[in-house]
Amino acid sequence: MSMLHRVEHWGDTHHPAWTDALRIVLGIILVLKGISFISDTAYLTRLVGGLHFGLFPVILVHYVAFAHLMGGFLIAVGCLTRLMVLFQLPILVGALFFVNIRQGFSPMNSELWLSIIVLLLLLLFLVIGSGRFSMDEYVKQHER
């Protein structure tokens, strides 16, 4: 059994029920962040606009909004959770190190703390998976 399968098996067998509520809250936060990006694309374009790569900021803006909306929804319902977390990780790492560094590391920077908390939760769900109360578990139980 490879290391990846062992981590996945451990995560599936050591998953308390309260973490499912945490997964749902994480998904809702990501969906709301995606909605805020869509409603204020000028803000997101300003955030990535300093990169000066031409078409790259436009593609990045659309990727971030789509990944937060769809990924957040699928994380909330527990469908393909580990895969959706992998799609979210580059966004959060970029937000943490490229966006929040410009604003400074201060206790008053709420975006920094939100990014740190969401990144830690994403890493947690990358390991433990979607849990008992999820679409993944429902599909596993009913595929026979």
N, C-alpha and C. Protein backbone atom coordinates (compact mmCIF):
# COMPACT_ATOMS: atom_id res chain seq x y z
N MET A 1 0.85 -1.17 0.00
CA MET A 1 0.00 0.00 0.00
C MET A 1 0.90 1.24 0.00
N SER A 2 0.65 2.13 -0.92
CA SER A 2 1.49 3.32 -1.03
C SER A 2 1.18 4.30 0.11
N MET A 3 2.06 5.25 0.29
CA MET A 3 1.90 6.24 1.36
C MET A 3 0.60 7.03 1.17
N LEU A 4 0.27 7.37 -0.06
CA LEU A 4 -0.96 8.11 -0.34
C LEU A 4 -2.20 7.30 0.08
N HIS A 5 -2.21 6.01 -0.22
CA HIS A 5 -3.34 5.16 0.17
C HIS A 5 -3.42 5.00 1.68
N ARG A 6 -2.27 4.93 2.34
CA ARG A 6 -2.28 4.80 3.81
C ARG A 6 -2.83 6.07 4.45
N VAL A 7 -2.42 7.24 3.95
CA VAL A 7 -2.94 8.51 4.49
C VAL A 7 -4.44 8.60 4.24
N GLU A 8 -4.87 8.22 3.03
CA GLU A 8 -6.30 8.26 2.71
C GLU A 8 -7.08 7.30 3.61
N HIS A 9 -6.57 6.10 3.82
CA HIS A 9 -7.26 5.13 4.68
C HIS A 9 -7.31 5.64 6.12
N TRP A 10 -6.20 6.18 6.62
CA TRP A 10 -6.19 6.72 7.98
C TRP A 10 -7.21 7.84 8.12
N GLY A 11 -7.25 8.74 7.14
CA GLY A 11 -8.20 9.84 7.17
C GLY A 11 -9.64 9.37 7.14
N ASP A 12 -9.91 8.33 6.37
CA ASP A 12 -11.27 7.81 6.29
C ASP A 12 -11.70 7.12 7.58
N THR A 13 -10.77 6.49 8.28
CA THR A 13 -11.13 5.77 9.50
C THR A 13 -11.06 6.64 10.75
N HIS A 14 -10.39 7.76 10.71
CA HIS A 14 -10.26 8.65 11.87
C HIS A 14 -10.92 10.00 11.55
N HIS A 15 -12.21 9.97 11.41
CA HIS A 15 -12.94 11.17 10.99
C HIS A 15 -14.13 11.38 11.92
N PRO A 16 -13.96 12.21 12.97
CA PRO A 16 -15.11 12.47 13.86
C PRO A 16 -16.22 13.22 13.13
N ALA A 17 -17.44 13.02 13.59
CA ALA A 17 -18.61 13.60 12.91
C ALA A 17 -18.60 15.12 12.93
N TRP A 18 -18.03 15.76 13.97
CA TRP A 18 -18.06 17.22 14.03
C TRP A 18 -17.23 17.85 12.92
N THR A 19 -16.29 17.09 12.35
CA THR A 19 -15.50 17.67 11.25
C THR A 19 -16.34 17.81 9.98
N ASP A 20 -17.42 17.06 9.87
CA ASP A 20 -18.32 17.24 8.73
C ASP A 20 -18.96 18.62 8.76
N ALA A 21 -19.34 19.08 9.94
CA ALA A 21 -19.90 20.44 10.06
C ALA A 21 -18.84 21.47 9.71
N LEU A 22 -17.60 21.21 10.11
CA LEU A 22 -16.50 22.12 9.76
C LEU A 22 -16.27 22.15 8.25
N ARG A 23 -16.37 20.98 7.60
CA ARG A 23 -16.23 20.91 6.14
C ARG A 23 -17.32 21.71 5.44
N ILE A 24 -18.54 21.62 5.95
CA ILE A 24 -19.66 22.36 5.35
C ILE A 24 -19.44 23.86 5.50
N VAL A 25 -19.00 24.29 6.67
CA VAL A 25 -18.72 25.72 6.89
C VAL A 25 -17.60 26.19 5.97
N LEU A 26 -16.55 25.38 5.82
CA LEU A 26 -15.46 25.73 4.91
C LEU A 26 -15.98 25.90 3.48
N GLY A 27 -16.82 24.98 3.03
CA GLY A 27 -17.39 25.09 1.69
C GLY A 27 -18.22 26.34 1.52
N ILE A 28 -19.00 26.67 2.53
CA ILE A 28 -19.83 27.89 2.46
C ILE A 28 -18.95 29.14 2.41
N ILE A 29 -17.89 29.16 3.20
CA ILE A 29 -16.96 30.30 3.17
C ILE A 29 -16.36 30.46 1.77
N LEU A 30 -15.97 29.35 1.15
CA LEU A 30 -15.38 29.42 -0.19
C LEU A 30 -16.40 29.90 -1.22
N VAL A 31 -17.64 29.42 -1.12
CA VAL A 31 -18.68 29.88 -2.05
C VAL A 31 -18.93 31.37 -1.87
N LEU A 32 -19.02 31.83 -0.64
CA LEU A 32 -19.25 33.26 -0.39
C LEU A 32 -18.08 34.10 -0.89
N LYS A 33 -16.87 33.60 -0.75
CA LYS A 33 -15.70 34.31 -1.28
C LYS A 33 -15.76 34.35 -2.81
N GLY A 34 -16.19 33.26 -3.43
CA GLY A 34 -16.35 33.24 -4.88
C GLY A 34 -17.40 34.23 -5.34
N ILE A 35 -18.50 34.32 -4.60
CA ILE A 35 -19.55 35.29 -4.94
C ILE A 35 -19.02 36.72 -4.80
N SER A 36 -18.23 36.96 -3.75
CA SER A 36 -17.68 38.31 -3.59
C SER A 36 -16.70 38.65 -4.71
N PHE A 37 -15.96 37.66 -5.21
CA PHE A 37 -15.07 37.91 -6.34
C PHE A 37 -15.85 38.22 -7.61
N ILE A 38 -16.95 37.50 -7.82
CA ILE A 38 -17.76 37.75 -9.01
C ILE A 38 -18.43 39.12 -8.93
N SER A 39 -18.90 39.48 -7.75
CA SER A 39 -19.60 40.75 -7.62
C SER A 39 -18.66 41.94 -7.67
N ASP A 40 -17.37 41.72 -7.41
CA ASP A 40 -16.40 42.81 -7.45
C ASP A 40 -15.16 42.35 -8.20
N THR A 41 -15.30 42.11 -9.49
CA THR A 41 -14.17 41.64 -10.29
C THR A 41 -13.08 42.69 -10.42
N ALA A 42 -13.44 43.95 -10.28
CA ALA A 42 -12.43 45.02 -10.34
C ALA A 42 -11.43 44.85 -9.20
N TYR A 43 -11.93 44.48 -8.02
CA TYR A 43 -11.05 44.27 -6.86
C TYR A 43 -10.09 43.11 -7.13
N LEU A 44 -10.61 42.01 -7.64
CA LEU A 44 -9.77 40.85 -7.91
C LEU A 44 -8.77 41.16 -9.02
N THR A 45 -9.19 41.89 -10.02
CA THR A 45 -8.28 42.27 -11.09
C THR A 45 -7.16 43.16 -10.56
N ARG A 46 -7.48 44.06 -9.62
CA ARG A 46 -6.45 44.90 -9.00
C ARG A 46 -5.47 44.05 -8.21
N LEU A 47 -6.00 43.01 -7.54
CA LEU A 47 -5.11 42.15 -6.75
C LEU A 47 -4.09 41.43 -7.63
N VAL A 48 -4.55 40.89 -8.74
CA VAL A 48 -3.63 40.15 -9.61
C VAL A 48 -3.09 41.02 -10.74
N GLY A 49 -3.61 42.22 -10.90
CA GLY A 49 -3.19 43.10 -11.98
C GLY A 49 -1.76 43.55 -11.87
N GLY A 50 -1.20 43.56 -10.67
CA GLY A 50 0.18 43.96 -10.49
C GLY A 50 1.16 42.97 -11.07
N LEU A 51 0.68 41.82 -11.50
CA LEU A 51 1.56 40.81 -12.07
C LEU A 51 2.01 41.15 -13.48
N HIS A 52 1.23 41.94 -14.22
CA HIS A 52 1.57 42.43 -15.57
C HIS A 52 1.95 41.30 -16.54
N PHE A 53 1.10 40.30 -16.66
CA PHE A 53 1.34 39.22 -17.60
C PHE A 53 0.33 39.22 -18.75
N GLY A 54 -0.40 40.30 -18.95
CA GLY A 54 -1.35 40.38 -20.05
C GLY A 54 -2.61 39.56 -19.80
N LEU A 55 -2.72 38.46 -20.49
CA LEU A 55 -3.90 37.61 -20.41
C LEU A 55 -3.94 36.81 -19.11
N PHE A 56 -2.81 36.60 -18.49
CA PHE A 56 -2.73 35.78 -17.28
C PHE A 56 -3.64 36.29 -16.15
N PRO A 57 -3.68 37.59 -15.85
CA PRO A 57 -4.58 38.04 -14.77
C PRO A 57 -6.06 37.74 -15.06
N VAL A 58 -6.48 37.83 -16.31
CA VAL A 58 -7.87 37.55 -16.66
C VAL A 58 -8.18 36.07 -16.43
N ILE A 59 -7.28 35.21 -16.86
CA ILE A 59 -7.46 33.77 -16.66
C ILE A 59 -7.46 33.44 -15.16
N LEU A 60 -6.55 34.07 -14.43
CA LEU A 60 -6.45 33.83 -12.99
C LEU A 60 -7.71 34.27 -12.25
N VAL A 61 -8.26 35.41 -12.63
CA VAL A 61 -9.50 35.89 -12.01
C VAL A 61 -10.63 34.90 -12.23
N HIS A 62 -10.77 34.39 -13.44
CA HIS A 62 -11.83 33.44 -13.72
C HIS A 62 -11.60 32.10 -13.03
N TYR A 63 -10.36 31.66 -12.96
CA TYR A 63 -10.05 30.41 -12.26
C TYR A 63 -10.38 30.51 -10.78
N VAL A 64 -9.98 31.61 -10.15
CA VAL A 64 -10.23 31.79 -8.72
C VAL A 64 -11.73 31.81 -8.44
N ALA A 65 -12.47 32.58 -9.19
CA ALA A 65 -13.92 32.67 -8.96
C ALA A 65 -14.60 31.32 -9.19
N PHE A 66 -14.28 30.66 -10.29
CA PHE A 66 -14.90 29.37 -10.60
C PHE A 66 -14.50 28.30 -9.57
N ALA A 67 -13.22 28.27 -9.21
CA ALA A 67 -12.75 27.26 -8.25
C ALA A 67 -13.39 27.47 -6.89
N HIS A 68 -13.55 28.72 -6.46
CA HIS A 68 -14.19 28.96 -5.17
C HIS A 68 -15.67 28.61 -5.21
N LEU A 69 -16.36 28.95 -6.28
CA LEU A 69 -17.79 28.65 -6.36
C LEU A 69 -18.05 27.15 -6.44
N MET A 70 -17.48 26.51 -7.44
CA MET A 70 -17.73 25.08 -7.63
C MET A 70 -17.03 24.23 -6.58
N GLY A 71 -15.78 24.55 -6.30
CA GLY A 71 -15.04 23.80 -5.30
C GLY A 71 -15.65 23.93 -3.93
N GLY A 72 -16.06 25.14 -3.57
CA GLY A 72 -16.70 25.36 -2.28
C GLY A 72 -17.99 24.59 -2.15
N PHE A 73 -18.79 24.60 -3.21
CA PHE A 73 -20.05 23.85 -3.19
C PHE A 73 -19.79 22.35 -3.03
N LEU A 74 -18.84 21.83 -3.81
CA LEU A 74 -18.57 20.40 -3.75
C LEU A 74 -17.93 20.00 -2.42
N ILE A 75 -17.11 20.87 -1.84
CA ILE A 75 -16.56 20.59 -0.52
C ILE A 75 -17.68 20.58 0.52
N ALA A 76 -18.62 21.52 0.41
CA ALA A 76 -19.72 21.59 1.38
C ALA A 76 -20.58 20.33 1.35
N VAL A 77 -20.85 19.81 0.16
CA VAL A 77 -21.68 18.60 0.08
C VAL A 77 -20.85 17.33 0.21
N GLY A 78 -19.52 17.46 0.22
CA GLY A 78 -18.66 16.31 0.39
C GLY A 78 -18.50 15.46 -0.84
N CYS A 79 -18.45 16.08 -1.98
CA CYS A 79 -18.30 15.37 -3.25
C CYS A 79 -16.91 15.68 -3.84
N LEU A 80 -16.11 14.66 -4.03
CA LEU A 80 -14.74 14.83 -4.55
C LEU A 80 -13.94 15.82 -3.70
N THR A 81 -14.05 15.67 -2.40
CA THR A 81 -13.49 16.66 -1.47
C THR A 81 -11.99 16.83 -1.64
N ARG A 82 -11.26 15.74 -1.67
CA ARG A 82 -9.80 15.85 -1.76
C ARG A 82 -9.37 16.51 -3.07
N LEU A 83 -10.03 16.18 -4.16
CA LEU A 83 -9.71 16.79 -5.44
C LEU A 83 -10.01 18.29 -5.43
N MET A 84 -11.16 18.66 -4.88
CA MET A 84 -11.53 20.09 -4.81
C MET A 84 -10.58 20.86 -3.91
N VAL A 85 -10.10 20.21 -2.85
CA VAL A 85 -9.11 20.85 -1.99
C VAL A 85 -7.83 21.12 -2.77
N LEU A 86 -7.43 20.17 -3.61
CA LEU A 86 -6.23 20.37 -4.42
C LEU A 86 -6.38 21.56 -5.37
N PHE A 87 -7.59 21.79 -5.88
CA PHE A 87 -7.82 22.96 -6.73
C PHE A 87 -7.77 24.26 -5.94
N GLN A 88 -8.11 24.20 -4.66
CA GLN A 88 -8.14 25.40 -3.82
C GLN A 88 -6.75 25.78 -3.29
N LEU A 89 -5.89 24.80 -3.08
CA LEU A 89 -4.60 25.06 -2.43
C LEU A 89 -3.74 26.11 -3.14
N PRO A 90 -3.57 26.06 -4.47
CA PRO A 90 -2.74 27.11 -5.09
C PRO A 90 -3.33 28.51 -4.90
N ILE A 91 -4.64 28.60 -4.88
CA ILE A 91 -5.28 29.90 -4.69
C ILE A 91 -4.97 30.44 -3.30
N LEU A 92 -5.10 29.59 -2.29
CA LEU A 92 -4.87 30.04 -0.92
C LEU A 92 -3.41 30.33 -0.66
N VAL A 93 -2.51 29.52 -1.21
CA VAL A 93 -1.08 29.80 -1.05
C VAL A 93 -0.74 31.13 -1.72
N GLY A 94 -1.30 31.36 -2.91
CA GLY A 94 -1.09 32.64 -3.59
C GLY A 94 -1.67 33.80 -2.81
N ALA A 95 -2.86 33.61 -2.26
CA ALA A 95 -3.48 34.68 -1.47
C ALA A 95 -2.66 34.97 -0.23
N LEU A 96 -2.15 33.95 0.38
CA LEU A 96 -1.40 34.13 1.61
C LEU A 96 -0.07 34.83 1.37
N PHE A 97 0.67 34.39 0.37
CA PHE A 97 2.03 34.90 0.18
C PHE A 97 2.14 36.07 -0.78
N PHE A 98 1.25 36.20 -1.75
CA PHE A 98 1.39 37.28 -2.71
C PHE A 98 0.45 38.46 -2.43
N VAL A 99 -0.77 38.17 -2.03
CA VAL A 99 -1.74 39.23 -1.80
C VAL A 99 -1.60 39.82 -0.41
N ASN A 100 -1.55 38.96 0.60
CA ASN A 100 -1.53 39.44 1.99
C ASN A 100 -0.20 40.03 2.40
N ILE A 101 0.89 39.67 1.73
CA ILE A 101 2.18 40.29 2.05
C ILE A 101 2.15 41.76 1.68
N ARG A 102 1.47 42.10 0.61
CA ARG A 102 1.36 43.52 0.21
C ARG A 102 0.62 44.33 1.27
N GLN A 103 -0.35 43.71 1.93
CA GLN A 103 -1.13 44.41 2.95
C GLN A 103 -0.46 44.35 4.31
N GLY A 104 0.54 43.53 4.46
CA GLY A 104 1.28 43.45 5.71
C GLY A 104 0.76 42.40 6.66
N PHE A 105 1.67 41.82 7.42
CA PHE A 105 1.32 40.83 8.42
C PHE A 105 1.02 41.53 9.73
N SER A 106 -0.22 41.86 9.93
CA SER A 106 -0.61 42.51 11.18
C SER A 106 -1.83 41.79 11.74
N PRO A 107 -2.02 41.88 13.05
CA PRO A 107 -3.19 41.24 13.65
C PRO A 107 -4.52 41.82 13.15
N MET A 108 -4.48 43.02 12.60
CA MET A 108 -5.70 43.67 12.13
C MET A 108 -6.06 43.30 10.69
N ASN A 109 -5.20 42.57 10.01
CA ASN A 109 -5.43 42.17 8.63
C ASN A 109 -6.33 40.93 8.62
N SER A 110 -7.63 41.14 8.54
CA SER A 110 -8.58 40.02 8.62
C SER A 110 -8.48 39.08 7.42
N GLU A 111 -8.13 39.60 6.26
CA GLU A 111 -7.97 38.74 5.08
C GLU A 111 -6.82 37.76 5.29
N LEU A 112 -5.77 38.21 5.95
CA LEU A 112 -4.64 37.33 6.24
C LEU A 112 -5.09 36.18 7.14
N TRP A 113 -5.80 36.48 8.19
CA TRP A 113 -6.23 35.44 9.13
C TRP A 113 -7.24 34.50 8.48
N LEU A 114 -8.13 35.04 7.66
CA LEU A 114 -9.07 34.18 6.95
C LEU A 114 -8.32 33.23 6.01
N SER A 115 -7.32 33.76 5.30
CA SER A 115 -6.53 32.93 4.40
C SER A 115 -5.79 31.84 5.16
N ILE A 116 -5.22 32.17 6.31
CA ILE A 116 -4.49 31.17 7.11
C ILE A 116 -5.44 30.08 7.60
N ILE A 117 -6.60 30.48 8.12
CA ILE A 117 -7.55 29.50 8.64
C ILE A 117 -8.07 28.60 7.53
N VAL A 118 -8.43 29.19 6.39
CA VAL A 118 -8.95 28.38 5.27
C VAL A 118 -7.86 27.45 4.74
N LEU A 119 -6.62 27.92 4.66
CA LEU A 119 -5.53 27.07 4.19
C LEU A 119 -5.32 25.89 5.14
N LEU A 120 -5.35 26.14 6.43
CA LEU A 120 -5.19 25.04 7.40
C LEU A 120 -6.35 24.05 7.31
N LEU A 121 -7.56 24.56 7.14
CA LEU A 121 -8.72 23.66 7.00
C LEU A 121 -8.63 22.85 5.71
N LEU A 122 -8.18 23.47 4.64
CA LEU A 122 -8.01 22.72 3.39
C LEU A 122 -7.00 21.60 3.56
N LEU A 123 -5.89 21.88 4.24
CA LEU A 123 -4.89 20.84 4.47
C LEU A 123 -5.46 19.72 5.34
N LEU A 124 -6.28 20.09 6.33
CA LEU A 124 -6.93 19.09 7.17
C LEU A 124 -7.82 18.17 6.33
N PHE A 125 -8.64 18.75 5.46
CA PHE A 125 -9.57 17.93 4.68
C PHE A 125 -8.88 17.22 3.53
N LEU A 126 -7.70 17.66 3.15
CA LEU A 126 -6.91 16.90 2.19
C LEU A 126 -6.51 15.56 2.81
N VAL A 127 -6.22 15.57 4.10
CA VAL A 127 -5.82 14.35 4.79
C VAL A 127 -7.03 13.51 5.20
N ILE A 128 -8.02 14.12 5.88
CA ILE A 128 -9.10 13.31 6.45
C ILE A 128 -10.24 13.04 5.48
N GLY A 129 -10.31 13.74 4.38
CA GLY A 129 -11.36 13.47 3.40
C GLY A 129 -12.70 14.07 3.76
N SER A 130 -13.73 13.55 3.15
CA SER A 130 -15.05 14.18 3.27
C SER A 130 -15.86 13.73 4.47
N GLY A 131 -15.68 12.53 4.96
CA GLY A 131 -16.37 12.11 6.18
C GLY A 131 -17.63 11.30 5.96
N ARG A 132 -18.28 11.02 7.08
CA ARG A 132 -19.46 10.16 7.10
C ARG A 132 -20.68 10.77 6.41
N PHE A 133 -20.89 12.04 6.63
CA PHE A 133 -22.08 12.71 6.11
C PHE A 133 -21.71 13.48 4.84
N SER A 134 -21.49 12.74 3.76
CA SER A 134 -21.05 13.35 2.52
C SER A 134 -21.57 12.56 1.33
N MET A 135 -21.51 13.20 0.18
CA MET A 135 -21.90 12.51 -1.06
C MET A 135 -20.94 11.37 -1.38
N ASP A 136 -19.66 11.55 -1.09
CA ASP A 136 -18.69 10.48 -1.34
C ASP A 136 -19.07 9.22 -0.56
N GLU A 137 -19.42 9.37 0.69
CA GLU A 137 -19.80 8.23 1.52
C GLU A 137 -21.11 7.61 1.04
N TYR A 138 -22.05 8.46 0.65
CA TYR A 138 -23.33 7.99 0.13
C TYR A 138 -23.12 7.15 -1.13
N VAL A 139 -22.27 7.61 -2.01
CA VAL A 139 -22.00 6.88 -3.25
C VAL A 139 -21.31 5.55 -2.94
N LYS A 140 -20.37 5.57 -1.99
CA LYS A 140 -19.68 4.32 -1.60
C LYS A 140 -20.66 3.28 -1.07
N GLN A 141 -21.62 3.73 -0.25
CA GLN A 141 -22.57 2.78 0.34
C GLN A 141 -23.59 2.28 -0.65
N HIS A 142 -23.91 3.04 -1.69
CA HIS A 142 -24.97 2.65 -2.62
C HIS A 142 -24.49 2.20 -3.99
N GLU A 143 -23.21 1.97 -4.16
CA GLU A 143 -22.74 1.54 -5.47
C GLU A 143 -22.80 0.04 -5.65
N ARG A 144 -23.13 -0.70 -4.65
CA ARG A 144 -23.22 -2.17 -4.77
C ARG A 144 -24.52 -2.61 -5.35
